[in-house]
PDB file of N, CA and C in Angstrom:
ATOM      1  N   MET A   1      49.306  -3.133 -18.628  1.00  0.00           N
ATOM      2  CA  MET A   1      49.048  -2.363 -19.727  1.00  0.00           C
ATOM      3  C   MET A   1      49.480  -3.162 -20.905  1.00  0.00           C
ATOM      4  N   ASP A   2      48.568  -3.511 -21.972  1.00  0.00           N
ATOM      5  CA  ASP A   2      48.822  -4.127 -23.141  1.00  0.00           C
ATOM      6  C   ASP A   2      49.195  -3.137 -24.225  1.00  0.00           C
ATOM      7  N   ILE A   3      50.346  -3.322 -24.846  1.00  0.00           N
ATOM      8  CA  ILE A   3      50.756  -2.399 -25.818  1.00  0.00           C
ATOM      9  C   ILE A   3      50.039  -2.524 -27.195  1.00  0.00           C
ATOM     10  N   GLN A   4      49.301  -3.533 -27.427  1.00  0.00           N
ATOM     11  CA  GLN A   4      48.425  -3.761 -28.585  1.00  0.00           C
ATOM     12  C   GLN A   4      47.197  -2.922 -28.472  1.00  0.00           C
ATOM     13  N   ASN A   5      46.610  -2.569 -27.303  1.00  0.00           N
ATOM     14  CA  ASN A   5      45.535  -1.656 -27.208  1.00  0.00           C
ATOM     15  C   ASN A   5      45.867  -0.292 -27.155  1.00  0.00           C
ATOM     16  N   LEU A   6      47.058   0.146 -27.294  1.00  0.00           N
ATOM     17  CA  LEU A   6      47.361   1.710 -27.245  1.00  0.00           C
ATOM     18  C   LEU A   6      47.351   2.030 -28.830  1.00  0.00           C
ATOM     19  N   PRO A   7      46.909   3.340 -28.920  1.00  0.00           N
ATOM     20  CA  PRO A   7      46.955   3.954 -30.194  1.00  0.00           C
ATOM     21  C   PRO A   7      48.369   4.367 -30.700  1.00  0.00           C
ATOM     22  N   ALA A   8      48.572   4.392 -32.087  1.00  0.00           N
ATOM     23  CA  ALA A   8      49.922   4.765 -32.383  1.00  0.00           C
ATOM     24  C   ALA A   8      50.272   6.255 -32.053  1.00  0.00           C
ATOM     25  N   LEU A   9      49.361   7.049 -32.300  1.00  0.00           N
ATOM     26  CA  LEU A   9      49.617   8.482 -31.965  1.00  0.00           C
ATOM     27  C   LEU A   9      48.264   9.121 -31.379  1.00  0.00           C
ATOM     28  N   PRO A  10      48.558  10.107 -30.598  1.00  0.00           N
ATOM     29  CA  PRO A  10      47.258  10.714 -30.003  1.00  0.00           C
ATOM     30  C   PRO A  10      46.470  11.415 -30.988  1.00  0.00           C
ATOM     31  N   PRO A  11      45.119  11.582 -30.906  1.00  0.00           N
ATOM     32  CA  PRO A  11      44.314  12.205 -31.891  1.00  0.00           C
ATOM     33  C   PRO A  11      44.603  13.768 -32.098  1.00  0.00           C
ATOM     34  N   PRO A  12      44.331  14.275 -33.154  1.00  0.00           N
ATOM     35  CA  PRO A  12      44.594  15.665 -33.434  1.00  0.00           C
ATOM     36  C   PRO A  12      43.836  16.529 -32.483  1.00  0.00           C
ATOM     37  N   PRO A  13      44.311  17.737 -32.367  1.00  0.00           N
ATOM     38  CA  PRO A  13      43.531  18.681 -31.400  1.00  0.00           C
ATOM     39  C   PRO A  13      42.012  18.920 -31.870  1.00  0.00           C
ATOM     40  N   GLY A  14      41.233  18.763 -30.854  1.00  0.00           N
ATOM     41  CA  GLY A  14      39.872  18.882 -31.195  1.00  0.00           C
ATOM     42  C   GLY A  14      39.061  17.662 -31.576  1.00  0.00           C
ATOM     43  N   VAL A  15      39.765  16.478 -31.634  1.00  0.00           N
ATOM     44  CA  VAL A  15      39.186  15.269 -31.975  1.00  0.00           C
ATOM     45  C   VAL A  15      39.168  14.291 -30.872  1.00  0.00           C
ATOM     46  N   LYS A  16      38.008  13.835 -30.583  1.00  0.00           N
ATOM     47  CA  LYS A  16      38.020  12.893 -29.398  1.00  0.00           C
ATOM     48  C   LYS A  16      37.942  11.429 -30.076  1.00  0.00           C
ATOM     49  N   SER A  17      38.976  10.584 -29.549  1.00  0.00           N
ATOM     50  CA  SER A  17      38.957   9.230 -30.081  1.00  0.00           C
ATOM     51  C   SER A  17      37.859   8.487 -29.342  1.00  0.00           C
ATOM     52  N   GLN A  18      37.077   7.565 -30.170  1.00  0.00           N
ATOM     53  CA  GLN A  18      36.185   6.616 -29.820  1.00  0.00           C
ATOM     54  C   GLN A  18      36.355   5.264 -30.351  1.00  0.00           C
ATOM     55  N   PHE A  19      37.417   4.548 -29.828  1.00  0.00           N
ATOM     56  CA  PHE A  19      37.698   3.240 -30.333  1.00  0.00           C
ATOM     57  C   PHE A  19      36.745   2.281 -29.789  1.00  0.00           C
ATOM     58  N   ASP A  20      36.109   2.353 -28.705  1.00  0.00           N
ATOM     59  CA  ASP A  20      35.228   1.417 -28.019  1.00  0.00           C
ATOM     60  C   ASP A  20      33.970   1.463 -28.767  1.00  0.00           C
ATOM     61  N   HIS A  21      33.277   2.617 -29.001  1.00  0.00           N
ATOM     62  CA  HIS A  21      32.025   2.801 -29.659  1.00  0.00           C
ATOM     63  C   HIS A  21      32.063   3.717 -30.741  1.00  0.00           C
ATOM     64  N   PRO A  22      32.552   3.479 -31.847  1.00  0.00           N
ATOM     65  CA  PRO A  22      32.617   4.355 -32.972  1.00  0.00           C
ATOM     66  C   PRO A  22      31.291   4.791 -33.463  1.00  0.00           C
ATOM     67  N   SER A  23      31.115   5.916 -33.930  1.00  0.00           N
ATOM     68  CA  SER A  23      29.890   6.399 -34.304  1.00  0.00           C
ATOM     69  C   SER A  23      29.766   6.404 -35.982  1.00  0.00           C
ATOM     70  N   ASP A  24      30.915   6.496 -36.495  1.00  0.00           N
ATOM     71  CA  ASP A  24      30.911   6.528 -38.091  1.00  0.00           C
ATOM     72  C   ASP A  24      31.399   5.287 -38.695  1.00  0.00           C
ATOM     73  N   THR A  25      30.697   4.260 -38.619  1.00  0.00           N
ATOM     74  CA  THR A  25      31.216   2.961 -39.180  1.00  0.00           C
ATOM     75  C   THR A  25      30.424   2.822 -40.551  1.00  0.00           C
ATOM     76  N   MET A  26      30.926   1.993 -41.352  1.00  0.00           N
ATOM     77  CA  MET A  26      30.408   1.765 -42.715  1.00  0.00           C
ATOM     78  C   MET A  26      29.727   0.299 -42.650  1.00  0.00           C
ATOM     79  N   VAL A  27      29.448  -0.261 -41.490  1.00  0.00           N
ATOM     80  CA  VAL A  27      28.933  -1.499 -41.500  1.00  0.00           C
ATOM     81  C   VAL A  27      27.681  -1.779 -42.430  1.00  0.00           C
ATOM     82  N   THR A  28      26.768  -0.764 -42.162  1.00  0.00           N
ATOM     83  CA  THR A  28      25.355  -1.032 -42.851  1.00  0.00           C
ATOM     84  C   THR A  28      25.685  -0.807 -44.433  1.00  0.00           C
ATOM     85  N   LEU A  29      26.425   0.184 -44.884  1.00  0.00           N
ATOM     86  CA  LEU A  29      26.656   0.239 -46.232  1.00  0.00           C
ATOM     87  C   LEU A  29      27.340  -0.973 -46.866  1.00  0.00           C
ATOM     88  N   LEU A  30      28.467  -1.511 -46.278  1.00  0.00           N
ATOM     89  CA  LEU A  30      29.216  -2.608 -46.662  1.00  0.00           C
ATOM     90  C   LEU A  30      28.278  -3.813 -46.725  1.00  0.00           C
ATOM     91  N   THR A  31      27.276  -4.099 -45.785  1.00  0.00           N
ATOM     92  CA  THR A  31      26.381  -5.263 -45.758  1.00  0.00           C
ATOM     93  C   THR A  31      25.474  -5.136 -46.847  1.00  0.00           C
ATOM     94  N   ILE A  32      25.067  -3.830 -47.287  1.00  0.00           N
ATOM     95  CA  ILE A  32      24.050  -3.758 -48.422  1.00  0.00           C
ATOM     96  C   ILE A  32      24.783  -3.971 -49.702  1.00  0.00           C
ATOM     97  N   VAL A  33      26.066  -3.401 -49.873  1.00  0.00           N
ATOM     98  CA  VAL A  33      26.732  -3.539 -50.988  1.00  0.00           C
ATOM     99  C   VAL A  33      27.141  -5.195 -51.172  1.00  0.00           C
ATOM    100  N   ASN A  34      27.532  -5.838 -50.164  1.00  0.00           N
ATOM    101  CA  ASN A  34      27.716  -7.196 -50.189  1.00  0.00           C
ATOM    102  C   ASN A  34      26.544  -8.122 -50.519  1.00  0.00           C
ATOM    103  N   ALA A  35      25.402  -7.664 -50.044  1.00  0.00           N
ATOM    104  CA  ALA A  35      24.164  -8.391 -50.252  1.00  0.00           C
ATOM    105  C   ALA A  35      23.775  -8.181 -51.823  1.00  0.00           C
ATOM    106  N   ILE A  36      24.089  -6.986 -52.335  1.00  0.00           N
ATOM    107  CA  ILE A  36      23.746  -6.898 -53.793  1.00  0.00           C
ATOM    108  C   ILE A  36      24.638  -7.688 -54.592  1.00  0.00           C
ATOM    109  N   PHE A  37      25.826  -7.698 -54.298  1.00  0.00           N
ATOM    110  CA  PHE A  37      26.947  -8.462 -55.365  1.00  0.00           C
ATOM    111  C   PHE A  37      26.631 -10.004 -55.082  1.00  0.00           C
ATOM    112  N   VAL A  38      26.278 -10.389 -53.832  1.00  0.00           N
ATOM    113  CA  VAL A  38      25.977 -11.824 -53.725  1.00  0.00           C
ATOM    114  C   VAL A  38      24.835 -12.206 -54.497  1.00  0.00           C
ATOM    115  N   GLY A  39      23.842 -11.340 -54.531  1.00  0.00           N
ATOM    116  CA  GLY A  39      22.533 -11.611 -55.207  1.00  0.00           C
ATOM    117  C   GLY A  39      22.863 -11.655 -56.639  1.00  0.00           C
ATOM    118  N   LEU A  40      23.686 -10.694 -57.141  1.00  0.00           N
ATOM    119  CA  LEU A  40      23.895 -10.704 -58.569  1.00  0.00           C
ATOM    120  C   LEU A  40      24.729 -11.999 -59.152  1.00  0.00           C
ATOM    121  N   ALA A  41      25.569 -12.385 -58.289  1.00  0.00           N
ATOM    122  CA  ALA A  41      26.386 -13.590 -58.588  1.00  0.00           C
ATOM    123  C   ALA A  41      25.496 -14.779 -58.574  1.00  0.00           C
ATOM    124  N   PHE A  42      24.541 -14.772 -57.597  1.00  0.00           N
ATOM    125  CA  PHE A  42      23.545 -15.942 -57.667  1.00  0.00           C
ATOM    126  C   PHE A  42      22.662 -15.953 -58.773  1.00  0.00           C
ATOM    127  N   LEU A  43      22.214 -14.885 -59.129  1.00  0.00           N
ATOM    128  CA  LEU A  43      21.332 -14.477 -60.432  1.00  0.00           C
ATOM    129  C   LEU A  43      22.188 -14.998 -61.621  1.00  0.00           C
ATOM    130  N   THR A  44      23.472 -14.781 -61.786  1.00  0.00           N
ATOM    131  CA  THR A  44      24.261 -15.020 -62.786  1.00  0.00           C
ATOM    132  C   THR A  44      24.306 -16.584 -62.979  1.00  0.00           C
ATOM    133  N   VAL A  45      24.599 -17.190 -61.850  1.00  0.00           N
ATOM    134  CA  VAL A  45      24.618 -18.698 -61.882  1.00  0.00           C
ATOM    135  C   VAL A  45      23.332 -19.362 -62.185  1.00  0.00           C
ATOM    136  N   VAL A  46      22.261 -18.771 -61.703  1.00  0.00           N
ATOM    137  CA  VAL A  46      20.860 -19.355 -62.124  1.00  0.00           C
ATOM    138  C   VAL A  46      20.669 -19.256 -63.551  1.00  0.00           C
ATOM    139  N   VAL A  47      21.011 -18.030 -64.190  1.00  0.00           N
ATOM    140  CA  VAL A  47      20.759 -17.800 -65.647  1.00  0.00           C
ATOM    141  C   VAL A  47      21.671 -18.719 -66.394  1.00  0.00           C
ATOM    142  N   ARG A  48      22.976 -18.953 -65.932  1.00  0.00           N
ATOM    143  CA  ARG A  48      23.874 -19.695 -66.774  1.00  0.00           C
ATOM    144  C   ARG A  48      23.297 -21.170 -66.727  1.00  0.00           C
ATOM    145  N   VAL A  49      22.906 -21.764 -65.506  1.00  0.00           N
ATOM    146  CA  VAL A  49      22.420 -23.152 -65.491  1.00  0.00           C
ATOM    147  C   VAL A  49      21.195 -23.275 -66.287  1.00  0.00           C
ATOM    148  N   GLY A  50      20.194 -22.259 -66.081  1.00  0.00           N
ATOM    149  CA  GLY A  50      18.997 -22.383 -66.761  1.00  0.00           C
ATOM    150  C   GLY A  50      19.110 -22.244 -68.394  1.00  0.00           C
ATOM    151  N   THR A  51      20.064 -21.453 -68.818  1.00  0.00           N
ATOM    152  CA  THR A  51      20.235 -21.487 -70.196  1.00  0.00           C
ATOM    153  C   THR A  51      20.820 -22.741 -70.782  1.00  0.00           C
ATOM    154  N   ARG A  52      21.844 -23.254 -69.979  1.00  0.00           N
ATOM    155  CA  ARG A  52      22.529 -24.360 -70.447  1.00  0.00           C
ATOM    156  C   ARG A  52      21.416 -25.617 -70.359  1.00  0.00           C
ATOM    157  N   SER A  53      20.714 -25.654 -69.347  1.00  0.00           N
ATOM    158  CA  SER A  53      19.808 -26.821 -69.146  1.00  0.00           C
ATOM    159  C   SER A  53      18.437 -26.763 -70.032  1.00  0.00           C
ATOM    160  N   PHE A  54      17.824 -25.713 -70.124  1.00  0.00           N
ATOM    161  CA  PHE A  54      16.554 -25.550 -70.761  1.00  0.00           C
ATOM    162  C   PHE A  54      16.530 -25.022 -72.102  1.00  0.00           C
ATOM    163  N   ILE A  55      17.402 -24.042 -72.446  1.00  0.00           N
ATOM    164  CA  ILE A  55      17.389 -23.401 -73.823  1.00  0.00           C
ATOM    165  C   ILE A  55      18.214 -24.278 -74.834  1.00  0.00           C
ATOM    166  N   SER A  56      19.504 -24.731 -74.338  1.00  0.00           N
ATOM    167  CA  SER A  56      20.365 -25.386 -75.222  1.00  0.00           C
ATOM    168  C   SER A  56      20.180 -26.855 -75.050  1.00  0.00           C
ATOM    169  N   ARG A  57      19.335 -27.326 -74.088  1.00  0.00           N
ATOM    170  CA  ARG A  57      19.066 -28.723 -73.859  1.00  0.00           C
ATOM    171  C   ARG A  57      20.489 -29.588 -73.544  1.00  0.00           C
ATOM    172  N   GLN A  58      21.380 -29.000 -72.990  1.00  0.00           N
ATOM    173  CA  GLN A  58      22.534 -29.751 -72.738  1.00  0.00           C
ATOM    174  C   GLN A  58      22.761 -30.051 -71.090  1.00  0.00           C
ATOM    175  N   THR A  59      23.447 -31.008 -70.725  1.00  0.00           N
ATOM    176  CA  THR A  59      23.530 -31.233 -69.429  1.00  0.00           C
ATOM    177  C   THR A  59      24.745 -30.439 -68.925  1.00  0.00           C
ATOM    178  N   LEU A  60      24.792 -30.260 -67.678  1.00  0.00           N
ATOM    179  CA  LEU A  60      25.938 -29.534 -67.118  1.00  0.00           C
ATOM    180  C   LEU A  60      27.165 -30.480 -67.163  1.00  0.00           C
ATOM    181  N   GLY A  61      28.372 -30.013 -67.466  1.00  0.00           N
ATOM    182  CA  GLY A  61      29.551 -30.831 -67.634  1.00  0.00           C
ATOM    183  C   GLY A  61      30.588 -30.071 -66.764  1.00  0.00           C
ATOM    184  N   TRP A  62      31.847 -30.779 -67.048  1.00  0.00           N
ATOM    185  CA  TRP A  62      33.063 -30.353 -66.399  1.00  0.00           C
ATOM    186  C   TRP A  62      33.498 -28.951 -66.877  1.00  0.00           C
ATOM    187  N   ASP A  63      33.132 -28.686 -68.029  1.00  0.00           N
ATOM    188  CA  ASP A  63      33.513 -27.247 -68.495  1.00  0.00           C
ATOM    189  C   ASP A  63      32.654 -26.146 -67.937  1.00  0.00           C
ATOM    190  N   ASP A  64      31.694 -26.415 -67.153  1.00  0.00           N
ATOM    191  CA  ASP A  64      30.980 -25.426 -66.590  1.00  0.00           C
ATOM    192  C   ASP A  64      31.616 -25.022 -65.250  1.00  0.00           C
ATOM    193  N   GLY A  65      32.459 -25.856 -64.709  1.00  0.00           N
ATOM    194  CA  GLY A  65      33.322 -25.498 -63.485  1.00  0.00           C
ATOM    195  C   GLY A  65      34.654 -25.103 -63.727  1.00  0.00           C
ATOM    196  N   LYS A  66      35.066 -25.236 -64.910  1.00  0.00           N
ATOM    197  CA  LYS A  66      36.417 -25.038 -65.283  1.00  0.00           C
ATOM    198  C   LYS A  66      36.743 -23.525 -65.361  1.00  0.00           C
ATOM    199  N   VAL A  67      37.942 -23.124 -64.821  1.00  0.00           N
ATOM    200  CA  VAL A  67      38.413 -21.752 -64.926  1.00  0.00           C
ATOM    201  C   VAL A  67      39.520 -21.712 -66.035  1.00  0.00           C
ATOM    202  N   TYR A  68      39.290 -20.776 -66.956  1.00  0.00           N
ATOM    203  CA  TYR A  68      40.297 -20.693 -68.028  1.00  0.00           C
ATOM    204  C   TYR A  68      41.254 -19.541 -67.714  1.00  0.00           C
ATOM    205  N   LEU A  69      42.560 -19.908 -67.694  1.00  0.00           N
ATOM    206  CA  LEU A  69      43.584 -18.810 -67.420  1.00  0.00           C
ATOM    207  C   LEU A  69      44.437 -18.792 -68.582  1.00  0.00           C
ATOM    208  N   ASN A  70      44.354 -17.573 -69.266  1.00  0.00           N
ATOM    209  CA  ASN A  70      45.162 -17.433 -70.395  1.00  0.00           C
ATOM    210  C   ASN A  70      46.219 -16.282 -70.334  1.00  0.00           C
TER     211      ASN A  70
END
């Protein structure tokens, strides 16, 4: 018997614990939210590079990768 696989406390009365096959996970929701924010980050980088390259006619420099901490 491995102590790491035991629950800390028994479930409350009337609740059946399902650690092997949980039914109420948030995997789908978290995947969708993650995909949305990764897409927004990618779009932001594309707009930044496009603005710097085509609109202001400047090349990308070191200041584009610099993080300013004040």
